[in-house]
Amino acid sequence: MSLCGFLVVLRLVPVAARYLLRRGMWGKDINKRGLPMGEIRVPEALGIVVGIVYLVIAILFQHFNFTADSMWLVEYNAALASVCFMILLGFIDDVLDVPWRVKLLLPTIAALPLLMAYAGGTAISIPKPLTSYFGVAVLELGSLYKLFMLLLAVFCTNSINIHAGLNGLEVGQTVIISAAVLIHNVMRIGSSMDIESQQAHAFSIYLVLPFLTTSLALFAFNWYPSSVFVGDTYTYFAGMALAVVGILGHFSETLLLFFLPEVLNFLCSVPQLFKFVPCPRHRLPRFDPHTGLLTGTKDGNLVNIFLRIFGRCTERTLCIRLLIFQALSCLFCFWLRYMITGWYK
């Protein structure tokens, strides 16, 4: 079914792109300003196609995997409801272009179905080096755990949204993260003897596999030079999908490690995001149409930081460097988990 989703997205994206162009939902590539490519009208918000196809696949999958009395069915549908809600709100953002502070509220609203339906554990295992300080090996958080779930959903959606601005970067980073999540789930199923843990990771695979395949199809259109823009619809959808995968798969700590570049980008962006220093609408590098190279600005995001550290380069080269950094971060996560297994928890 995931393969079918890949093929359907490949077929539907060009069709949806034509409709969006007719409705005036298009933009021009700022990083190509001054070139003929910079004058092309590129359809926006094509993340709506991926989101709809993903939901259809995930809903149909229930028929083959869950029974009416399945203990996972309520949480599965709640996860899909949150993802659906996020797609809707993301598309509204693409249409209305809501202010940044309102964007922070959108994932909060979308996460409500998951928070209300969540019936899993709300306790966390204390790292072994810290058990002597807490006096217990397992700490019950209660409502604080649901608050953590909410904050994780808000972070995942917005962190992808602000680590953007290059052709292929938004989709590329989520493809790498979702591939890492898939590998992690398979490894945990193979190594764990706990049936409940195996079921949780299998549940995570059910949600992440169609997300990976449909995103790969979109990546074919969004890679440099982009023929479509994914819009906030995709970044919000991707963030929420990955958040519910990590929450319901019970590996939120590992998920945050997979998000290491996004965490760094957020930390570097804090002064501008919270208006401690001026923040332009688009924190993009400067493009030189004569050389085709990008030059980093003083903005505090990884896109510009990489340019300041490694020097001027083309948009394609910069995106490849950032995606390699994303992949290396995921590999670091796997290595770190291997090194601390048995000592940390």
C-alpha atoms as a PDB file:
ATOM      1  CA  MET A   1       0.000   0.000   0.000  1.00  0.00           C
ATOM      2  CA  SER A   2       2.878   2.357   0.724  1.00  0.00           C
ATOM      3  CA  LEU A   3       4.262   1.671  -2.753  1.00  0.00           C
ATOM      4  CA  CYS A   4       0.851   2.511  -4.200  1.00  0.00           C
ATOM      5  CA  GLY A   5       0.967   5.777  -2.275  1.00  0.00           C
ATOM      6  CA  PHE A   6       4.333   6.577  -3.860  1.00  0.00           C
ATOM      7  CA  LEU A   7       2.926   6.023  -7.351  1.00  0.00           C
ATOM      8  CA  VAL A   8      -0.282   7.948  -6.657  1.00  0.00           C
ATOM      9  CA  VAL A   9       1.627  10.987  -5.390  1.00  0.00           C
ATOM     10  CA  LEU A  10       3.837  10.903  -8.491  1.00  0.00           C
ATOM     11  CA  ARG A  11       0.691  11.008 -10.604  1.00  0.00           C
ATOM     12  CA  LEU A  12      -1.308  13.556  -8.610  1.00  0.00           C
ATOM     13  CA  VAL A  13       1.306  16.236  -7.914  1.00  0.00           C
ATOM     14  CA  PRO A  14       1.409  17.570 -11.518  1.00  0.00           C
ATOM     15  CA  VAL A  15      -2.401  17.570 -11.627  1.00  0.00           C
ATOM     16  CA  ALA A  16      -2.738  19.424  -8.325  1.00  0.00           C
ATOM     17  CA  ALA A  17       0.011  21.847  -9.366  1.00  0.00           C
ATOM     18  CA  ARG A  18      -2.030  22.972 -12.362  1.00  0.00           C
ATOM     19  CA  TYR A  19      -5.105  23.585 -10.201  1.00  0.00           C
ATOM     20  CA  LEU A  20      -3.123  25.555  -7.632  1.00  0.00           C
ATOM     21  CA  LEU A  21      -1.599  27.729 -10.346  1.00  0.00           C
ATOM     22  CA  ARG A  22      -5.078  28.519 -11.628  1.00  0.00           C
ATOM     23  CA  ARG A  23      -6.168  29.538  -8.137  1.00  0.00           C
ATOM     24  CA  GLY A  24      -3.205  31.872  -7.796  1.00  0.00           C
ATOM     25  CA  MET A  25      -1.346  29.786  -5.220  1.00  0.00           C
ATOM     26  CA  TRP A  26       2.165  30.186  -6.545  1.00  0.00           C
ATOM     27  CA  GLY A  27       5.408  31.859  -5.649  1.00  0.00           C
ATOM     28  CA  LYS A  28       8.755  32.770  -7.143  1.00  0.00           C
ATOM     29  CA  ASP A  29      12.027  31.255  -5.989  1.00  0.00           C
ATOM     30  CA  ILE A  30      13.840  33.998  -4.063  1.00  0.00           C
ATOM     31  CA  ASN A  31      17.134  32.116  -4.272  1.00  0.00           C
ATOM     32  CA  LYS A  32      17.024  32.440  -8.064  1.00  0.00           C
ATOM     33  CA  ARG A  33      16.086  36.114  -8.239  1.00  0.00           C
ATOM     34  CA  GLY A  34      17.738  37.783 -11.208  1.00  0.00           C
ATOM     35  CA  LEU A  35      17.725  34.617 -13.309  1.00  0.00           C
ATOM     36  CA  PRO A  36      15.065  33.424 -15.766  1.00  0.00           C
ATOM     37  CA  MET A  37      14.253  30.583 -13.337  1.00  0.00           C
ATOM     38  CA  GLY A  38      13.513  33.195 -10.696  1.00  0.00           C
ATOM     39  CA  GLU A  39      10.609  34.524 -12.751  1.00  0.00           C
ATOM     40  CA  ILE A  40       8.841  31.178 -13.078  1.00  0.00           C
ATOM     41  CA  ARG A  41       5.605  30.806 -11.155  1.00  0.00           C
ATOM     42  CA  VAL A  42       6.030  27.746  -8.949  1.00  0.00           C
ATOM     43  CA  PRO A  43       2.848  26.203  -7.476  1.00  0.00           C
ATOM     44  CA  GLU A  44       2.744  26.162  -3.678  1.00  0.00           C
ATOM     45  CA  ALA A  45       1.199  24.023  -0.934  1.00  0.00           C
ATOM     46  CA  LEU A  46       1.702  20.707  -2.754  1.00  0.00           C
ATOM     47  CA  GLY A  47       2.075  19.096   0.649  1.00  0.00           C
ATOM     48  CA  ILE A  48      -1.709  18.792   0.564  1.00  0.00           C
ATOM     49  CA  VAL A  49      -1.381  15.968  -1.981  1.00  0.00           C
ATOM     50  CA  VAL A  50       1.016  13.963   0.171  1.00  0.00           C
ATOM     51  CA  GLY A  51      -1.103  14.526   3.255  1.00  0.00           C
ATOM     52  CA  ILE A  52      -4.322  13.326   1.637  1.00  0.00           C
ATOM     53  CA  VAL A  53      -2.727  10.252   0.058  1.00  0.00           C
ATOM     54  CA  TYR A  54      -1.049   9.399   3.359  1.00  0.00           C
ATOM     55  CA  LEU A  55      -4.337   9.606   5.245  1.00  0.00           C
ATOM     56  CA  VAL A  56      -6.160   7.442   2.707  1.00  0.00           C
ATOM     57  CA  ILE A  57      -3.476   4.742   2.925  1.00  0.00           C
ATOM     58  CA  ALA A  58      -3.363   4.849   6.719  1.00  0.00           C
ATOM     59  CA  ILE A  59      -7.156   4.645   6.991  1.00  0.00           C
ATOM     60  CA  LEU A  60      -7.456   1.754   4.542  1.00  0.00           C
ATOM     61  CA  PHE A  61      -4.665  -0.070   6.360  1.00  0.00           C
ATOM     62  CA  GLN A  62      -6.913  -0.428   9.404  1.00  0.00           C
ATOM     63  CA  HIS A  63      -9.117  -2.851   7.498  1.00  0.00           C
ATOM     64  CA  PHE A  64      -6.243  -5.289   7.060  1.00  0.00           C
ATOM     65  CA  ASN A  65      -4.482  -4.980  10.402  1.00  0.00           C
ATOM     66  CA  PHE A  66      -6.866  -4.003  13.213  1.00  0.00           C
ATOM     67  CA  THR A  67      -9.956  -5.690  14.558  1.00  0.00           C
ATOM     68  CA  ALA A  68     -12.874  -3.715  15.950  1.00  0.00           C
ATOM     69  CA  ASP A  69     -11.769  -4.430  19.525  1.00  0.00           C
ATOM     70  CA  SER A  70      -8.060  -3.774  18.980  1.00  0.00           C
ATOM     71  CA  MET A  71      -6.417  -1.942  21.872  1.00  0.00           C
ATOM     72  CA  TRP A  72      -4.430   0.165  19.400  1.00  0.00           C
ATOM     73  CA  LEU A  73      -7.347   1.275  17.243  1.00  0.00           C
ATOM     74  CA  VAL A  74      -8.364   4.297  19.334  1.00  0.00           C
ATOM     75  CA  GLU A  75      -4.848   5.706  19.475  1.00  0.00           C
ATOM     76  CA  TYR A  76      -4.306   4.932  15.783  1.00  0.00           C
ATOM     77  CA  ASN A  77      -7.396   6.913  14.805  1.00  0.00           C
ATOM     78  CA  ALA A  78      -6.481   9.692  17.228  1.00  0.00           C
ATOM     79  CA  ALA A  79      -3.060   9.928  15.587  1.00  0.00           C
ATOM     80  CA  LEU A  80      -4.679  10.160  12.161  1.00  0.00           C
ATOM     81  CA  ALA A  81      -7.102  12.791  13.446  1.00  0.00           C
ATOM     82  CA  SER A  82      -4.196  14.910  14.693  1.00  0.00           C
ATOM     83  CA  VAL A  83      -2.369  14.525  11.386  1.00  0.00           C
ATOM     84  CA  CYS A  84      -5.540  15.385   9.460  1.00  0.00           C
ATOM     85  CA  PHE A  85      -6.138  18.417  11.656  1.00  0.00           C
ATOM     86  CA  MET A  86      -2.554  19.553  11.071  1.00  0.00           C
ATOM     87  CA  ILE A  87      -2.878  19.208   7.295  1.00  0.00           C
ATOM     88  CA  LEU A  88      -6.013  21.352   7.378  1.00  0.00           C
ATOM     89  CA  LEU A  89      -4.441  24.031   9.561  1.00  0.00           C
ATOM     90  CA  GLY A  90      -1.258  23.994   7.489  1.00  0.00           C
ATOM     91  CA  PHE A  91      -3.226  24.536   4.293  1.00  0.00           C
ATOM     92  CA  ILE A  92      -5.134  27.363   5.971  1.00  0.00           C
ATOM     93  CA  ASP A  93      -1.769  28.906   6.842  1.00  0.00           C
ATOM     94  CA  ASP A  94      -0.658  28.629   3.208  1.00  0.00           C
ATOM     95  CA  VAL A  95      -3.835  30.382   2.089  1.00  0.00           C
ATOM     96  CA  LEU A  96      -4.074  33.059   4.797  1.00  0.00           C
ATOM     97  CA  ASP A  97      -0.367  33.426   5.711  1.00  0.00           C
ATOM     98  CA  VAL A  98      -1.031  33.688   9.443  1.00  0.00           C
ATOM     99  CA  PRO A  99       1.421  35.515  11.772  1.00  0.00           C
ATOM    100  CA  TRP A 100       4.298  33.595  13.348  1.00  0.00           C
ATOM    101  CA  ARG A 101       2.873  33.627  16.866  1.00  0.00           C
ATOM    102  CA  VAL A 102      -0.349  32.090  15.567  1.00  0.00           C
ATOM    103  CA  LYS A 103       1.696  29.359  13.894  1.00  0.00           C
ATOM    104  CA  LEU A 104       2.788  28.203  17.348  1.00  0.00           C
ATOM    105  CA  LEU A 105      -0.837  27.614  18.295  1.00  0.00           C
ATOM    106  CA  LEU A 106      -1.715  25.496  15.262  1.00  0.00           C
ATOM    107  CA  PRO A 107       0.099  22.311  16.408  1.00  0.00           C
ATOM    108  CA  THR A 108      -1.370  22.801  19.871  1.00  0.00           C
ATOM    109  CA  ILE A 109      -4.860  22.617  18.399  1.00  0.00           C
ATOM    110  CA  ALA A 110      -4.015  19.719  16.101  1.00  0.00           C
ATOM    111  CA  ALA A 111      -2.519  17.647  18.927  1.00  0.00           C
ATOM    112  CA  LEU A 112      -5.749  17.700  20.964  1.00  0.00           C
ATOM    113  CA  PRO A 113      -7.242  14.465  19.508  1.00  0.00           C
ATOM    114  CA  LEU A 114      -4.071  12.558  20.358  1.00  0.00           C
ATOM    115  CA  LEU A 115      -3.849  14.018  23.861  1.00  0.00           C
ATOM    116  CA  MET A 116      -7.490  13.282  24.644  1.00  0.00           C
ATOM    117  CA  ALA A 117      -7.365   9.702  23.341  1.00  0.00           C
ATOM    118  CA  TYR A 118      -3.951   8.753  24.714  1.00  0.00           C
ATOM    119  CA  ALA A 119      -4.354   5.897  27.178  1.00  0.00           C
ATOM    120  CA  GLY A 120      -0.767   4.692  27.375  1.00  0.00           C
ATOM    121  CA  GLY A 121       1.673   4.970  30.216  1.00  0.00           C
ATOM    122  CA  THR A 122       2.614   8.330  31.657  1.00  0.00           C
ATOM    123  CA  ALA A 123       5.695   7.160  33.547  1.00  0.00           C
ATOM    124  CA  ILE A 124       9.303   7.547  32.474  1.00  0.00           C
ATOM    125  CA  SER A 125      12.341   5.449  33.269  1.00  0.00           C
ATOM    126  CA  ILE A 126      14.928   7.393  35.210  1.00  0.00           C
ATOM    127  CA  PRO A 127      18.445   7.093  33.751  1.00  0.00           C
ATOM    128  CA  LYS A 128      20.470   4.716  35.893  1.00  0.00           C
ATOM    129  CA  PRO A 129      23.111   7.317  36.847  1.00  0.00           C
ATOM    130  CA  LEU A 130      20.310   9.494  38.288  1.00  0.00           C
ATOM    131  CA  THR A 131      18.239   6.903  40.154  1.00  0.00           C
ATOM    132  CA  SER A 132      20.077   7.577  43.413  1.00  0.00           C
ATOM    133  CA  TYR A 133      18.979  11.223  43.247  1.00  0.00           C
ATOM    134  CA  PHE A 134      15.332  10.459  42.501  1.00  0.00           C
ATOM    135  CA  GLY A 135      15.085   7.417  44.736  1.00  0.00           C
ATOM    136  CA  VAL A 136      13.009   5.532  42.143  1.00  0.00           C
ATOM    137  CA  ALA A 137      13.719   3.813  38.844  1.00  0.00           C
ATOM    138  CA  VAL A 138      10.374   4.816  37.316  1.00  0.00           C
ATOM    139  CA  LEU A 139       8.800   8.238  37.793  1.00  0.00           C
ATOM    140  CA  GLU A 140       5.085   8.785  37.248  1.00  0.00           C
ATOM    141  CA  LEU A 141       4.461  12.133  35.544  1.00  0.00           C
ATOM    142  CA  GLY A 142       0.709  11.999  35.016  1.00  0.00           C
ATOM    143  CA  SER A 143      -0.537  15.131  33.261  1.00  0.00           C
ATOM    144  CA  LEU A 144       3.010  16.424  32.882  1.00  0.00           C
ATOM    145  CA  TYR A 145       3.661  13.603  30.426  1.00  0.00           C
ATOM    146  CA  LYS A 146       0.806  14.820  28.234  1.00  0.00           C
ATOM    147  CA  LEU A 147       2.253  18.310  28.443  1.00  0.00           C
ATOM    148  CA  PHE A 148       5.527  16.860  27.175  1.00  0.00           C
ATOM    149  CA  MET A 149       3.634  15.194  24.314  1.00  0.00           C
ATOM    150  CA  LEU A 150       2.103  18.532  23.404  1.00  0.00           C
ATOM    151  CA  LEU A 151       5.437  20.351  23.484  1.00  0.00           C
ATOM    152  CA  LEU A 152       7.041  17.632  21.363  1.00  0.00           C
ATOM    153  CA  ALA A 153       4.316  17.998  18.732  1.00  0.00           C
ATOM    154  CA  VAL A 154       4.706  21.789  18.716  1.00  0.00           C
ATOM    155  CA  PHE A 155       8.480  21.506  18.410  1.00  0.00           C
ATOM    156  CA  CYS A 156       8.513  18.917  15.622  1.00  0.00           C
ATOM    157  CA  THR A 157       6.091  20.836  13.434  1.00  0.00           C
ATOM    158  CA  ASN A 158       7.691  24.244  13.854  1.00  0.00           C
ATOM    159  CA  SER A 159      11.296  23.024  13.778  1.00  0.00           C
ATOM    160  CA  ILE A 160      10.847  21.610  10.278  1.00  0.00           C
ATOM    161  CA  ASN A 161       9.026  24.766   9.243  1.00  0.00           C
ATOM    162  CA  ILE A 162      11.944  27.034  10.211  1.00  0.00           C
ATOM    163  CA  HIS A 163      14.705  24.743   8.899  1.00  0.00           C
ATOM    164  CA  ALA A 164      13.794  25.524   5.322  1.00  0.00           C
ATOM    165  CA  GLY A 165      14.350  27.918   2.445  1.00  0.00           C
ATOM    166  CA  LEU A 166      16.219  25.696  -0.025  1.00  0.00           C
ATOM    167  CA  ASN A 167      14.864  23.498  -2.785  1.00  0.00           C
ATOM    168  CA  GLY A 168      14.454  20.022  -1.327  1.00  0.00           C
ATOM    169  CA  LEU A 169      15.502  20.822   2.236  1.00  0.00           C
ATOM    170  CA  GLU A 170      12.127  20.447   3.957  1.00  0.00           C
ATOM    171  CA  VAL A 171      11.246  17.159   2.290  1.00  0.00           C
ATOM    172  CA  GLY A 172      14.818  15.882   2.320  1.00  0.00           C
ATOM    173  CA  GLN A 173      15.250  16.237   6.066  1.00  0.00           C
ATOM    174  CA  THR A 174      11.950  14.501   6.797  1.00  0.00           C
ATOM    175  CA  VAL A 175      12.798  11.635   4.432  1.00  0.00           C
ATOM    176  CA  ILE A 176      16.081  11.082   6.279  1.00  0.00           C
ATOM    177  CA  ILE A 177      14.445  11.289   9.714  1.00  0.00           C
ATOM    178  CA  SER A 178      11.598   8.954   8.756  1.00  0.00           C
ATOM    179  CA  ALA A 179      14.072   6.464   7.265  1.00  0.00           C
ATOM    180  CA  ALA A 180      16.030   6.561  10.532  1.00  0.00           C
ATOM    181  CA  VAL A 181      12.802   6.061  12.492  1.00  0.00           C
ATOM    182  CA  LEU A 182      11.913   3.071  10.324  1.00  0.00           C
ATOM    183  CA  ILE A 183      15.346   1.495  10.829  1.00  0.00           C
ATOM    184  CA  HIS A 184      15.153   2.150  14.568  1.00  0.00           C
ATOM    185  CA  ASN A 185      11.771   0.441  14.808  1.00  0.00           C
ATOM    186  CA  VAL A 186      12.963  -2.616  12.901  1.00  0.00           C
ATOM    187  CA  MET A 187      16.066  -2.870  15.088  1.00  0.00           C
ATOM    188  CA  ARG A 188      14.040  -2.572  18.292  1.00  0.00           C
ATOM    189  CA  ILE A 189      11.546  -5.221  17.198  1.00  0.00           C
ATOM    190  CA  GLY A 190      14.431  -7.577  16.475  1.00  0.00           C
ATOM    191  CA  SER A 191      16.275  -6.924  19.733  1.00  0.00           C
ATOM    192  CA  SER A 192      13.430  -6.584  22.244  1.00  0.00           C
ATOM    193  CA  MET A 193      11.855  -9.549  24.006  1.00  0.00           C
ATOM    194  CA  ASP A 194       9.001  -7.447  25.389  1.00  0.00           C
ATOM    195  CA  ILE A 195       5.798  -8.073  23.413  1.00  0.00           C
ATOM    196  CA  GLU A 196       4.311  -4.688  24.289  1.00  0.00           C
ATOM    197  CA  SER A 197       7.460  -2.915  23.123  1.00  0.00           C
ATOM    198  CA  GLN A 198       7.434  -4.879  19.874  1.00  0.00           C
ATOM    199  CA  GLN A 199       3.803  -3.929  19.288  1.00  0.00           C
ATOM    200  CA  ALA A 200       4.548  -0.248  19.921  1.00  0.00           C
ATOM    201  CA  HIS A 201       7.380  -0.236  17.395  1.00  0.00           C
ATOM    202  CA  ALA A 202       5.283  -2.155  14.863  1.00  0.00           C
ATOM    203  CA  PHE A 203       2.548   0.432  15.390  1.00  0.00           C
ATOM    204  CA  SER A 204       5.113   3.131  14.642  1.00  0.00           C
ATOM    205  CA  ILE A 205       6.074   1.382  11.399  1.00  0.00           C
ATOM    206  CA  TYR A 206       2.437   1.359  10.286  1.00  0.00           C
ATOM    207  CA  LEU A 207       2.447   5.158  10.466  1.00  0.00           C
ATOM    208  CA  VAL A 208       5.941   6.015   9.259  1.00  0.00           C
ATOM    209  CA  LEU A 209       6.269   3.731   6.226  1.00  0.00           C
ATOM    210  CA  PRO A 210       3.539   5.376   4.092  1.00  0.00           C
ATOM    211  CA  PHE A 211       4.859   8.753   5.209  1.00  0.00           C
ATOM    212  CA  LEU A 212       8.324   7.860   3.928  1.00  0.00           C
ATOM    213  CA  THR A 213       7.157   6.604   0.536  1.00  0.00           C
ATOM    214  CA  THR A 214       4.773   9.477  -0.171  1.00  0.00           C
ATOM    215  CA  SER A 215       7.421  12.006   0.877  1.00  0.00           C
ATOM    216  CA  LEU A 216       9.944  10.386  -1.455  1.00  0.00           C
ATOM    217  CA  ALA A 217       7.536  10.933  -4.337  1.00  0.00           C
ATOM    218  CA  LEU A 218       7.159  14.605  -3.429  1.00  0.00           C
ATOM    219  CA  PHE A 219      10.934  14.904  -3.121  1.00  0.00           C
ATOM    220  CA  ALA A 220      11.234  14.076  -6.817  1.00  0.00           C
ATOM    221  CA  PHE A 221       9.362  17.304  -7.623  1.00  0.00           C
ATOM    222  CA  ASN A 222      10.805  19.460  -4.850  1.00  0.00           C
ATOM    223  CA  TRP A 223      14.496  18.727  -5.432  1.00  0.00           C
ATOM    224  CA  TYR A 224      16.609  21.419  -7.069  1.00  0.00           C
ATOM    225  CA  PRO A 225      15.391  23.068  -9.216  1.00  0.00           C
ATOM    226  CA  SER A 226      11.962  22.741  -7.624  1.00  0.00           C
ATOM    227  CA  SER A 227       8.960  22.438  -9.888  1.00  0.00           C
ATOM    228  CA  VAL A 228       6.674  22.697  -6.828  1.00  0.00           C
ATOM    229  CA  PHE A 229       6.853  24.212  -3.355  1.00  0.00           C
ATOM    230  CA  VAL A 230       5.608  22.081  -0.472  1.00  0.00           C
ATOM    231  CA  GLY A 231       4.305  24.943   1.668  1.00  0.00           C
ATOM    232  CA  ASP A 232       3.528  25.002   5.369  1.00  0.00           C
ATOM    233  CA  THR A 233       0.988  22.266   4.668  1.00  0.00           C
ATOM    234  CA  TYR A 234       3.784  19.737   4.278  1.00  0.00           C
ATOM    235  CA  THR A 235       6.074  20.967   7.045  1.00  0.00           C
ATOM    236  CA  TYR A 236       3.255  20.914   9.602  1.00  0.00           C
ATOM    237  CA  PHE A 237       1.984  17.569   8.358  1.00  0.00           C
ATOM    238  CA  ALA A 238       5.481  16.064   8.443  1.00  0.00           C
ATOM    239  CA  GLY A 239       6.215  17.355  11.920  1.00  0.00           C
ATOM    240  CA  MET A 240       2.953  16.049  13.354  1.00  0.00           C
ATOM    241  CA  ALA A 241       3.331  12.671  11.627  1.00  0.00           C
ATOM    242  CA  LEU A 242       6.815  12.201  13.072  1.00  0.00           C
ATOM    243  CA  ALA A 243       5.690  13.415  16.490  1.00  0.00           C
ATOM    244  CA  VAL A 244       2.852  10.889  16.760  1.00  0.00           C
ATOM    245  CA  VAL A 245       5.169   8.147  15.502  1.00  0.00           C
ATOM    246  CA  GLY A 246       7.648   8.900  18.286  1.00  0.00           C
ATOM    247  CA  ILE A 247       5.024   9.391  20.986  1.00  0.00           C
ATOM    248  CA  LEU A 248       2.982   6.270  20.283  1.00  0.00           C
ATOM    249  CA  GLY A 249       6.108   4.236  19.556  1.00  0.00           C
ATOM    250  CA  HIS A 250       7.476   5.306  22.968  1.00  0.00           C
ATOM    251  CA  PHE A 251      10.850   6.562  21.741  1.00  0.00           C
ATOM    252  CA  SER A 252      10.491  10.334  22.036  1.00  0.00           C
ATOM    253  CA  GLU A 253      14.061  10.720  23.339  1.00  0.00           C
ATOM    254  CA  THR A 254      15.450   8.941  20.285  1.00  0.00           C
ATOM    255  CA  LEU A 255      13.221  11.021  18.026  1.00  0.00           C
ATOM    256  CA  LEU A 256      14.683  14.219  19.469  1.00  0.00           C
ATOM    257  CA  LEU A 257      18.172  12.894  18.731  1.00  0.00           C
ATOM    258  CA  PHE A 258      17.118  12.312  15.123  1.00  0.00           C
ATOM    259  CA  PHE A 259      16.001  15.964  15.165  1.00  0.00           C
ATOM    260  CA  LEU A 260      19.449  17.170  16.280  1.00  0.00           C
ATOM    261  CA  PRO A 261      19.980  19.594  13.334  1.00  0.00           C
ATOM    262  CA  GLU A 262      16.488  20.981  13.876  1.00  0.00           C
ATOM    263  CA  VAL A 263      17.229  21.413  17.594  1.00  0.00           C
ATOM    264  CA  LEU A 264      20.456  23.268  16.778  1.00  0.00           C
ATOM    265  CA  ASN A 265      18.664  25.399  14.206  1.00  0.00           C
ATOM    266  CA  PHE A 266      15.990  26.290  16.751  1.00  0.00           C
ATOM    267  CA  LEU A 267      18.528  27.200  19.435  1.00  0.00           C
ATOM    268  CA  CYS A 268      20.435  29.395  16.994  1.00  0.00           C
ATOM    269  CA  SER A 269      17.157  30.994  15.913  1.00  0.00           C
ATOM    270  CA  VAL A 270      15.850  31.808  19.408  1.00  0.00           C
ATOM    271  CA  PRO A 271      17.151  35.418  19.497  1.00  0.00           C
ATOM    272  CA  GLN A 272      15.368  36.224  16.233  1.00  0.00           C
ATOM    273  CA  LEU A 273      12.245  34.151  16.839  1.00  0.00           C
ATOM    274  CA  PHE A 274      11.588  35.896  20.140  1.00  0.00           C
ATOM    275  CA  LYS A 275      12.492  39.331  18.746  1.00  0.00           C
ATOM    276  CA  PHE A 276      15.611  39.863  20.856  1.00  0.00           C
ATOM    277  CA  VAL A 277      17.255  40.852  17.577  1.00  0.00           C
ATOM    278  CA  PRO A 278      15.565  41.894  14.312  1.00  0.00           C
ATOM    279  CA  CYS A 279      14.075  39.012  12.338  1.00  0.00           C
ATOM    280  CA  PRO A 280      13.352  39.404   8.608  1.00  0.00           C
ATOM    281  CA  ARG A 281      10.393  37.643   7.025  1.00  0.00           C
ATOM    282  CA  HIS A 282      12.634  35.285   5.047  1.00  0.00           C
ATOM    283  CA  ARG A 283      15.932  34.415   6.704  1.00  0.00           C
ATOM    284  CA  LEU A 284      17.508  33.457   3.410  1.00  0.00           C
ATOM    285  CA  PRO A 285      21.074  33.918   2.177  1.00  0.00           C
ATOM    286  CA  ARG A 286      21.950  36.490  -0.473  1.00  0.00           C
ATOM    287  CA  PHE A 287      21.959  35.232  -4.045  1.00  0.00           C
ATOM    288  CA  ASP A 288      24.394  36.540  -6.645  1.00  0.00           C
ATOM    289  CA  PRO A 289      22.822  36.082 -10.096  1.00  0.00           C
ATOM    290  CA  HIS A 290      26.193  36.629 -11.791  1.00  0.00           C
ATOM    291  CA  THR A 291      27.931  33.706 -10.089  1.00  0.00           C
ATOM    292  CA  GLY A 292      24.914  31.636  -9.031  1.00  0.00           C
ATOM    293  CA  LEU A 293      26.331  31.413  -5.501  1.00  0.00           C
ATOM    294  CA  LEU A 294      24.703  32.016  -2.134  1.00  0.00           C
ATOM    295  CA  THR A 295      26.340  34.140   0.562  1.00  0.00           C
ATOM    296  CA  GLY A 296      25.486  33.736   4.224  1.00  0.00           C
ATOM    297  CA  THR A 297      23.864  36.575   6.138  1.00  0.00           C
ATOM    298  CA  LYS A 298      23.991  37.260   9.874  1.00  0.00           C
ATOM    299  CA  ASP A 299      20.694  35.453  10.428  1.00  0.00           C
ATOM    300  CA  GLY A 300      20.916  32.717  13.041  1.00  0.00           C
ATOM    301  CA  ASN A 301      19.824  29.633  11.136  1.00  0.00           C
ATOM    302  CA  LEU A 302      21.796  26.642   9.900  1.00  0.00           C
ATOM    303  CA  VAL A 303      21.385  27.636   6.259  1.00  0.00           C
ATOM    304  CA  ASN A 304      23.330  30.855   6.812  1.00  0.00           C
ATOM    305  CA  ILE A 305      25.650  29.393   9.447  1.00  0.00           C
ATOM    306  CA  PHE A 306      26.803  26.698   7.010  1.00  0.00           C
ATOM    307  CA  LEU A 307      27.523  29.358   4.396  1.00  0.00           C
ATOM    308  CA  ARG A 308      29.495  31.440   6.877  1.00  0.00           C
ATOM    309  CA  ILE A 309      31.527  28.409   7.988  1.00  0.00           C
ATOM    310  CA  PHE A 310      32.101  26.614   4.686  1.00  0.00           C
ATOM    311  CA  GLY A 311      31.939  29.566   2.321  1.00  0.00           C
ATOM    312  CA  ARG A 312      29.794  30.516  -0.644  1.00  0.00           C
ATOM    313  CA  CYS A 313      28.260  27.770  -2.750  1.00  0.00           C
ATOM    314  CA  THR A 314      25.298  26.968  -4.949  1.00  0.00           C
ATOM    315  CA  GLU A 315      21.869  26.253  -3.510  1.00  0.00           C
ATOM    316  CA  ARG A 316      22.090  22.618  -4.577  1.00  0.00           C
ATOM    317  CA  THR A 317      25.472  22.130  -2.890  1.00  0.00           C
ATOM    318  CA  LEU A 318      24.278  23.799   0.299  1.00  0.00           C
ATOM    319  CA  CYS A 319      21.194  21.602   0.467  1.00  0.00           C
ATOM    320  CA  ILE A 320      23.301  18.471  -0.046  1.00  0.00           C
ATOM    321  CA  ARG A 321      25.612  19.542   2.792  1.00  0.00           C
ATOM    322  CA  LEU A 322      22.685  20.112   5.140  1.00  0.00           C
ATOM    323  CA  LEU A 323      21.118  16.766   4.248  1.00  0.00           C
ATOM    324  CA  ILE A 324      24.448  15.007   4.798  1.00  0.00           C
ATOM    325  CA  PHE A 325      24.597  16.686   8.208  1.00  0.00           C
ATOM    326  CA  GLN A 326      21.080  15.397   8.885  1.00  0.00           C
ATOM    327  CA  ALA A 327      22.089  11.861   7.936  1.00  0.00           C
ATOM    328  CA  LEU A 328      25.263  12.025  10.038  1.00  0.00           C
ATOM    329  CA  SER A 329      23.198  13.226  12.995  1.00  0.00           C
ATOM    330  CA  CYS A 330      20.935  10.192  12.665  1.00  0.00           C
ATOM    331  CA  LEU A 331      23.975   7.909  12.475  1.00  0.00           C
ATOM    332  CA  PHE A 332      25.325   9.613  15.598  1.00  0.00           C
ATOM    333  CA  CYS A 333      22.031   8.851  17.324  1.00  0.00           C
ATOM    334  CA  PHE A 334      22.333   5.148  16.497  1.00  0.00           C
ATOM    335  CA  TRP A 335      25.942   5.112  17.711  1.00  0.00           C
ATOM    336  CA  LEU A 336      25.033   6.936  20.917  1.00  0.00           C
ATOM    337  CA  ARG A 337      22.188   4.534  21.670  1.00  0.00           C
ATOM    338  CA  TYR A 338      24.537   1.603  21.146  1.00  0.00           C
ATOM    339  CA  MET A 339      27.204   3.078  23.416  1.00  0.00           C
ATOM    340  CA  ILE A 340      24.912   3.892  26.348  1.00  0.00           C
ATOM    341  CA  THR A 341      22.655   0.827  26.192  1.00  0.00           C
ATOM    342  CA  GLY A 342      22.726  -0.863  29.573  1.00  0.00           C
ATOM    343  CA  TRP A 343      24.392   2.105  31.254  1.00  0.00           C
ATOM    344  CA  TYR A 344      21.902   4.902  30.656  1.00  0.00           C
ATOM    345  CA  LYS A 345      18.692   2.886  31.005  1.00  0.00           C
END
